[in-house]
Amino acid sequence: MIKRHTISFYHAFSGLVYSFRTQPNFAVHLFVSILAIFAGVYLRINSFEWLIITMTIFVGLVIELINTAIESTVDLITKEFHPIAKIAKDTSAAAMLVYAFGAIIVALMIFLPKWPYI
């Protein structure tokens, strides 16, 4: 039982490493997330705001991982151009784009009112 969980954890960790090494947007998301953490510390956001920022960071990473999985699956199925494959890849990328816009709005709502020079 423990061996099965260890193997599952290993594969999950491998997926994270793969995404970090091969997906530029995943690395960008991590970088922006670190900036948000520093901003939160600097601006001394409260516990509820930390909860919102933490959830925003993790959900964004999850969506990026799902986007990578969908794109990889489509690439496995066909290397040729197909309009339905394009729709699958474009809409999974659009999900991350929509989420990124939402994350920006969340960050602005939390950080802007606390920023000292605005």
N, C-alpha and C. Protein backbone atom coordinates (compact mmCIF):
# COMPACT_ATOMS: atom_id res chain seq x y z
N MET A 1 0.83 -1.20 0.00
CA MET A 1 0.00 0.00 0.00
C MET A 1 0.87 1.26 0.00
N ILE A 2 1.86 1.31 0.90
CA ILE A 2 2.73 2.48 0.97
C ILE A 2 3.56 2.61 -0.30
N LYS A 3 4.00 1.47 -0.86
CA LYS A 3 4.80 1.52 -2.08
C LYS A 3 3.98 2.15 -3.22
N ARG A 4 2.69 1.79 -3.31
CA ARG A 4 1.83 2.34 -4.36
C ARG A 4 1.73 3.86 -4.23
N HIS A 5 1.59 4.35 -2.99
CA HIS A 5 1.51 5.80 -2.78
C HIS A 5 2.84 6.47 -3.08
N THR A 6 3.93 5.81 -2.73
CA THR A 6 5.25 6.36 -3.02
C THR A 6 5.46 6.49 -4.53
N ILE A 7 5.05 5.47 -5.26
CA ILE A 7 5.18 5.51 -6.72
C ILE A 7 4.29 6.61 -7.28
N SER A 8 3.08 6.74 -6.78
CA SER A 8 2.17 7.79 -7.25
C SER A 8 2.76 9.17 -6.99
N PHE A 9 3.35 9.35 -5.80
CA PHE A 9 3.97 10.63 -5.47
C PHE A 9 5.14 10.90 -6.40
N TYR A 10 5.93 9.87 -6.68
CA TYR A 10 7.07 10.03 -7.58
C TYR A 10 6.61 10.50 -8.96
N HIS A 11 5.56 9.87 -9.49
CA HIS A 11 5.06 10.26 -10.81
C HIS A 11 4.49 11.67 -10.79
N ALA A 12 3.79 12.02 -9.73
CA ALA A 12 3.24 13.38 -9.61
C ALA A 12 4.38 14.40 -9.56
N PHE A 13 5.41 14.10 -8.78
CA PHE A 13 6.55 15.01 -8.69
C PHE A 13 7.26 15.11 -10.04
N SER A 14 7.34 14.01 -10.77
CA SER A 14 7.94 14.02 -12.11
C SER A 14 7.15 14.95 -13.03
N GLY A 15 5.82 14.94 -12.89
CA GLY A 15 4.99 15.84 -13.69
C GLY A 15 5.26 17.29 -13.38
N LEU A 16 5.46 17.60 -12.09
CA LEU A 16 5.81 18.98 -11.72
C LEU A 16 7.15 19.39 -12.32
N VAL A 17 8.14 18.52 -12.20
CA VAL A 17 9.47 18.82 -12.74
C VAL A 17 9.39 18.99 -14.26
N TYR A 18 8.66 18.10 -14.92
CA TYR A 18 8.50 18.22 -16.38
C TYR A 18 7.88 19.57 -16.75
N SER A 19 6.82 19.93 -16.05
CA SER A 19 6.14 21.20 -16.35
C SER A 19 7.06 22.38 -16.13
N PHE A 20 7.81 22.36 -15.05
CA PHE A 20 8.72 23.47 -14.76
C PHE A 20 9.81 23.58 -15.82
N ARG A 21 10.33 22.44 -16.26
CA ARG A 21 11.44 22.45 -17.22
C ARG A 21 11.01 22.73 -18.66
N THR A 22 9.79 22.36 -19.01
CA THR A 22 9.40 22.43 -20.42
C THR A 22 8.32 23.46 -20.73
N GLN A 23 7.63 23.95 -19.72
CA GLN A 23 6.51 24.86 -19.96
C GLN A 23 6.87 26.26 -19.46
N PRO A 24 7.20 27.17 -20.36
CA PRO A 24 7.60 28.52 -19.92
C PRO A 24 6.53 29.21 -19.08
N ASN A 25 5.27 28.99 -19.40
CA ASN A 25 4.20 29.65 -18.64
C ASN A 25 4.12 29.14 -17.21
N PHE A 26 4.47 27.88 -16.99
CA PHE A 26 4.48 27.34 -15.63
C PHE A 26 5.56 28.06 -14.80
N ALA A 27 6.73 28.24 -15.38
CA ALA A 27 7.81 28.94 -14.69
C ALA A 27 7.42 30.40 -14.44
N VAL A 28 6.77 31.03 -15.41
CA VAL A 28 6.31 32.41 -15.23
C VAL A 28 5.30 32.49 -14.08
N HIS A 29 4.39 31.53 -14.05
CA HIS A 29 3.39 31.51 -12.98
C HIS A 29 4.07 31.37 -11.61
N LEU A 30 5.08 30.50 -11.52
CA LEU A 30 5.81 30.36 -10.25
C LEU A 30 6.51 31.66 -9.87
N PHE A 31 7.13 32.32 -10.83
CA PHE A 31 7.82 33.58 -10.57
C PHE A 31 6.85 34.65 -10.07
N VAL A 32 5.72 34.79 -10.76
CA VAL A 32 4.72 35.79 -10.35
C VAL A 32 4.15 35.43 -8.98
N SER A 33 4.00 34.15 -8.72
CA SER A 33 3.51 33.70 -7.41
C SER A 33 4.48 34.10 -6.29
N ILE A 34 5.77 33.96 -6.55
CA ILE A 34 6.77 34.37 -5.56
C ILE A 34 6.70 35.88 -5.34
N LEU A 35 6.51 36.64 -6.42
CA LEU A 35 6.34 38.09 -6.26
C LEU A 35 5.11 38.42 -5.40
N ALA A 36 4.02 37.68 -5.61
CA ALA A 36 2.81 37.90 -4.81
C ALA A 36 3.05 37.58 -3.34
N ILE A 37 3.82 36.55 -3.08
CA ILE A 37 4.14 36.19 -1.69
C ILE A 37 4.97 37.31 -1.05
N PHE A 38 5.98 37.78 -1.76
CA PHE A 38 6.78 38.89 -1.22
C PHE A 38 5.93 40.13 -1.00
N ALA A 39 5.04 40.43 -1.94
CA ALA A 39 4.16 41.59 -1.78
C ALA A 39 3.26 41.42 -0.56
N GLY A 40 2.76 40.20 -0.36
CA GLY A 40 1.93 39.93 0.81
C GLY A 40 2.66 40.13 2.11
N VAL A 41 3.91 39.69 2.15
CA VAL A 41 4.73 39.88 3.36
C VAL A 41 5.00 41.36 3.56
N TYR A 42 5.42 42.04 2.51
CA TYR A 42 5.75 43.46 2.58
C TYR A 42 4.55 44.30 3.02
N LEU A 43 3.39 43.98 2.46
CA LEU A 43 2.19 44.78 2.74
C LEU A 43 1.41 44.27 3.96
N ARG A 44 1.90 43.20 4.56
CA ARG A 44 1.30 42.63 5.78
C ARG A 44 -0.20 42.35 5.60
N ILE A 45 -0.50 41.58 4.57
CA ILE A 45 -1.90 41.24 4.34
C ILE A 45 -2.41 40.34 5.46
N ASN A 46 -3.72 40.36 5.66
CA ASN A 46 -4.29 39.60 6.78
C ASN A 46 -4.50 38.13 6.39
N SER A 47 -4.96 37.34 7.35
CA SER A 47 -5.11 35.89 7.14
C SER A 47 -6.07 35.56 6.01
N PHE A 48 -7.18 36.26 5.94
CA PHE A 48 -8.14 36.00 4.88
C PHE A 48 -7.53 36.32 3.51
N GLU A 49 -6.79 37.42 3.42
CA GLU A 49 -6.14 37.78 2.16
C GLU A 49 -5.08 36.74 1.78
N TRP A 50 -4.36 36.20 2.78
CA TRP A 50 -3.39 35.13 2.51
C TRP A 50 -4.10 33.90 1.97
N LEU A 51 -5.26 33.60 2.52
CA LEU A 51 -6.04 32.47 2.03
C LEU A 51 -6.39 32.66 0.56
N ILE A 52 -6.86 33.84 0.22
CA ILE A 52 -7.24 34.13 -1.17
C ILE A 52 -6.02 34.07 -2.10
N ILE A 53 -4.92 34.66 -1.69
CA ILE A 53 -3.70 34.64 -2.51
C ILE A 53 -3.19 33.21 -2.68
N THR A 54 -3.18 32.44 -1.59
CA THR A 54 -2.71 31.05 -1.65
C THR A 54 -3.57 30.22 -2.59
N MET A 55 -4.88 30.36 -2.46
CA MET A 55 -5.78 29.61 -3.35
C MET A 55 -5.60 30.06 -4.81
N THR A 56 -5.43 31.35 -5.01
CA THR A 56 -5.23 31.86 -6.37
C THR A 56 -3.95 31.27 -6.97
N ILE A 57 -2.89 31.22 -6.20
CA ILE A 57 -1.62 30.65 -6.68
C ILE A 57 -1.80 29.17 -7.03
N PHE A 58 -2.34 28.39 -6.11
CA PHE A 58 -2.42 26.95 -6.33
C PHE A 58 -3.40 26.57 -7.43
N VAL A 59 -4.54 27.23 -7.50
CA VAL A 59 -5.49 26.92 -8.57
C VAL A 59 -4.87 27.26 -9.93
N GLY A 60 -4.14 28.37 -10.01
CA GLY A 60 -3.46 28.72 -11.26
C GLY A 60 -2.45 27.67 -11.68
N LEU A 61 -1.69 27.15 -10.73
CA LEU A 61 -0.72 26.10 -11.04
C LEU A 61 -1.44 24.83 -11.51
N VAL A 62 -2.55 24.51 -10.87
CA VAL A 62 -3.32 23.33 -11.26
C VAL A 62 -3.86 23.49 -12.68
N ILE A 63 -4.42 24.65 -12.99
CA ILE A 63 -4.94 24.87 -14.35
C ILE A 63 -3.82 24.77 -15.37
N GLU A 64 -2.65 25.30 -15.04
CA GLU A 64 -1.52 25.21 -15.96
C GLU A 64 -1.11 23.75 -16.18
N LEU A 65 -1.13 22.94 -15.12
CA LEU A 65 -0.81 21.52 -15.25
C LEU A 65 -1.85 20.79 -16.10
N ILE A 66 -3.12 21.09 -15.89
CA ILE A 66 -4.18 20.47 -16.69
C ILE A 66 -4.04 20.89 -18.16
N ASN A 67 -3.73 22.15 -18.40
CA ASN A 67 -3.50 22.63 -19.77
C ASN A 67 -2.36 21.84 -20.42
N THR A 68 -1.28 21.63 -19.69
CA THR A 68 -0.15 20.86 -20.22
C THR A 68 -0.57 19.43 -20.52
N ALA A 69 -1.36 18.83 -19.63
CA ALA A 69 -1.81 17.45 -19.85
C ALA A 69 -2.69 17.35 -21.09
N ILE A 70 -3.59 18.30 -21.26
CA ILE A 70 -4.47 18.29 -22.44
C ILE A 70 -3.65 18.46 -23.72
N GLU A 71 -2.74 19.41 -23.72
CA GLU A 71 -1.93 19.63 -24.92
C GLU A 71 -1.07 18.42 -25.25
N SER A 72 -0.50 17.79 -24.23
CA SER A 72 0.33 16.59 -24.45
C SER A 72 -0.51 15.43 -24.97
N THR A 73 -1.71 15.28 -24.44
CA THR A 73 -2.60 14.21 -24.90
C THR A 73 -2.98 14.41 -26.36
N VAL A 74 -3.31 15.64 -26.72
CA VAL A 74 -3.66 15.93 -28.11
C VAL A 74 -2.46 15.64 -29.01
N ASP A 75 -1.26 16.03 -28.58
CA ASP A 75 -0.06 15.77 -29.38
C ASP A 75 0.20 14.27 -29.53
N LEU A 76 -0.14 13.50 -28.50
CA LEU A 76 0.03 12.05 -28.57
C LEU A 76 -0.93 11.44 -29.59
N ILE A 77 -2.13 11.97 -29.64
CA ILE A 77 -3.16 11.42 -30.53
C ILE A 77 -2.87 11.76 -31.99
N THR A 78 -2.46 12.99 -32.25
CA THR A 78 -2.19 13.37 -33.64
C THR A 78 -1.11 14.44 -33.70
N LYS A 79 -0.21 14.26 -34.63
CA LYS A 79 0.81 15.28 -34.90
C LYS A 79 0.36 16.17 -36.06
N GLU A 80 -0.64 15.71 -36.78
CA GLU A 80 -1.15 16.47 -37.92
C GLU A 80 -2.14 17.53 -37.44
N PHE A 81 -2.28 18.58 -38.25
CA PHE A 81 -3.27 19.59 -37.91
C PHE A 81 -4.66 19.01 -38.05
N HIS A 82 -5.45 19.24 -37.03
CA HIS A 82 -6.87 18.86 -37.08
C HIS A 82 -7.65 19.95 -36.35
N PRO A 83 -8.74 20.43 -36.94
CA PRO A 83 -9.48 21.54 -36.32
C PRO A 83 -9.98 21.23 -34.91
N ILE A 84 -10.35 19.99 -34.65
CA ILE A 84 -10.83 19.65 -33.30
C ILE A 84 -9.66 19.60 -32.32
N ALA A 85 -8.51 19.13 -32.76
CA ALA A 85 -7.31 19.15 -31.91
C ALA A 85 -6.95 20.59 -31.57
N LYS A 86 -7.07 21.47 -32.55
CA LYS A 86 -6.80 22.90 -32.33
C LYS A 86 -7.76 23.47 -31.29
N ILE A 87 -9.02 23.10 -31.39
CA ILE A 87 -10.01 23.59 -30.42
C ILE A 87 -9.65 23.12 -29.01
N ALA A 88 -9.28 21.86 -28.87
CA ALA A 88 -8.91 21.33 -27.55
C ALA A 88 -7.72 22.09 -26.96
N LYS A 89 -6.70 22.29 -27.78
CA LYS A 89 -5.51 22.99 -27.29
C LYS A 89 -5.79 24.46 -27.02
N ASP A 90 -6.53 25.11 -27.91
CA ASP A 90 -6.82 26.53 -27.75
C ASP A 90 -7.71 26.79 -26.54
N THR A 91 -8.72 25.95 -26.34
CA THR A 91 -9.61 26.20 -25.20
C THR A 91 -8.94 25.87 -23.88
N SER A 92 -8.04 24.89 -23.85
CA SER A 92 -7.33 24.64 -22.59
C SER A 92 -6.38 25.80 -22.28
N ALA A 93 -5.77 26.36 -23.30
CA ALA A 93 -4.93 27.55 -23.09
C ALA A 93 -5.79 28.75 -22.69
N ALA A 94 -6.97 28.86 -23.27
CA ALA A 94 -7.88 29.95 -22.92
C ALA A 94 -8.32 29.87 -21.46
N ALA A 95 -8.48 28.66 -20.95
CA ALA A 95 -8.85 28.50 -19.54
C ALA A 95 -7.79 29.14 -18.64
N MET A 96 -6.54 28.94 -18.97
CA MET A 96 -5.46 29.54 -18.18
C MET A 96 -5.45 31.05 -18.36
N LEU A 97 -5.70 31.52 -19.57
CA LEU A 97 -5.72 32.96 -19.82
C LEU A 97 -6.83 33.64 -19.02
N VAL A 98 -8.01 33.06 -19.04
CA VAL A 98 -9.12 33.61 -18.27
C VAL A 98 -8.79 33.62 -16.79
N TYR A 99 -8.20 32.52 -16.32
CA TYR A 99 -7.81 32.46 -14.91
C TYR A 99 -6.76 33.53 -14.59
N ALA A 100 -5.81 33.73 -15.48
CA ALA A 100 -4.77 34.73 -15.24
C ALA A 100 -5.37 36.13 -15.11
N PHE A 101 -6.35 36.45 -15.95
CA PHE A 101 -7.02 37.75 -15.82
C PHE A 101 -7.71 37.86 -14.46
N GLY A 102 -8.37 36.79 -14.04
CA GLY A 102 -9.01 36.78 -12.73
C GLY A 102 -8.00 36.93 -11.60
N ALA A 103 -6.86 36.28 -11.73
CA ALA A 103 -5.81 36.37 -10.70
C ALA A 103 -5.26 37.79 -10.61
N ILE A 104 -5.14 38.45 -11.75
CA ILE A 104 -4.68 39.84 -11.75
C ILE A 104 -5.69 40.72 -11.00
N ILE A 105 -6.96 40.50 -11.26
CA ILE A 105 -8.00 41.28 -10.57
C ILE A 105 -7.94 41.04 -9.07
N VAL A 106 -7.79 39.77 -8.66
CA VAL A 106 -7.67 39.45 -7.23
C VAL A 106 -6.47 40.17 -6.63
N ALA A 107 -5.33 40.09 -7.30
CA ALA A 107 -4.12 40.74 -6.78
C ALA A 107 -4.30 42.24 -6.66
N LEU A 108 -4.90 42.85 -7.66
CA LEU A 108 -5.13 44.30 -7.60
C LEU A 108 -6.06 44.66 -6.44
N MET A 109 -7.10 43.86 -6.23
CA MET A 109 -8.05 44.15 -5.16
C MET A 109 -7.40 44.02 -3.78
N ILE A 110 -6.46 43.10 -3.64
CA ILE A 110 -5.82 42.91 -2.34
C ILE A 110 -4.65 43.86 -2.15
N PHE A 111 -3.80 44.01 -3.16
CA PHE A 111 -2.55 44.75 -2.97
C PHE A 111 -2.66 46.26 -3.20
N LEU A 112 -3.44 46.68 -4.19
CA LEU A 112 -3.48 48.11 -4.50
C LEU A 112 -3.90 48.99 -3.31
N PRO A 113 -4.96 48.64 -2.58
CA PRO A 113 -5.35 49.52 -1.47
C PRO A 113 -4.28 49.63 -0.37
N LYS A 114 -3.39 48.64 -0.31
CA LYS A 114 -2.37 48.63 0.74
C LYS A 114 -1.04 49.24 0.27
N TRP A 115 -0.90 49.45 -1.03
CA TRP A 115 0.38 49.92 -1.55
C TRP A 115 0.62 51.34 -1.06
N PRO A 116 1.81 51.61 -0.48
CA PRO A 116 2.03 52.90 0.20
C PRO A 116 2.09 54.13 -0.70
N TYR A 117 2.41 53.96 -1.97
CA TYR A 117 2.63 55.15 -2.80
C TYR A 117 1.51 55.39 -3.81
N ILE A 118 0.37 54.75 -3.60
CA ILE A 118 -0.73 54.94 -4.54
C ILE A 118 -1.85 55.67 -3.85
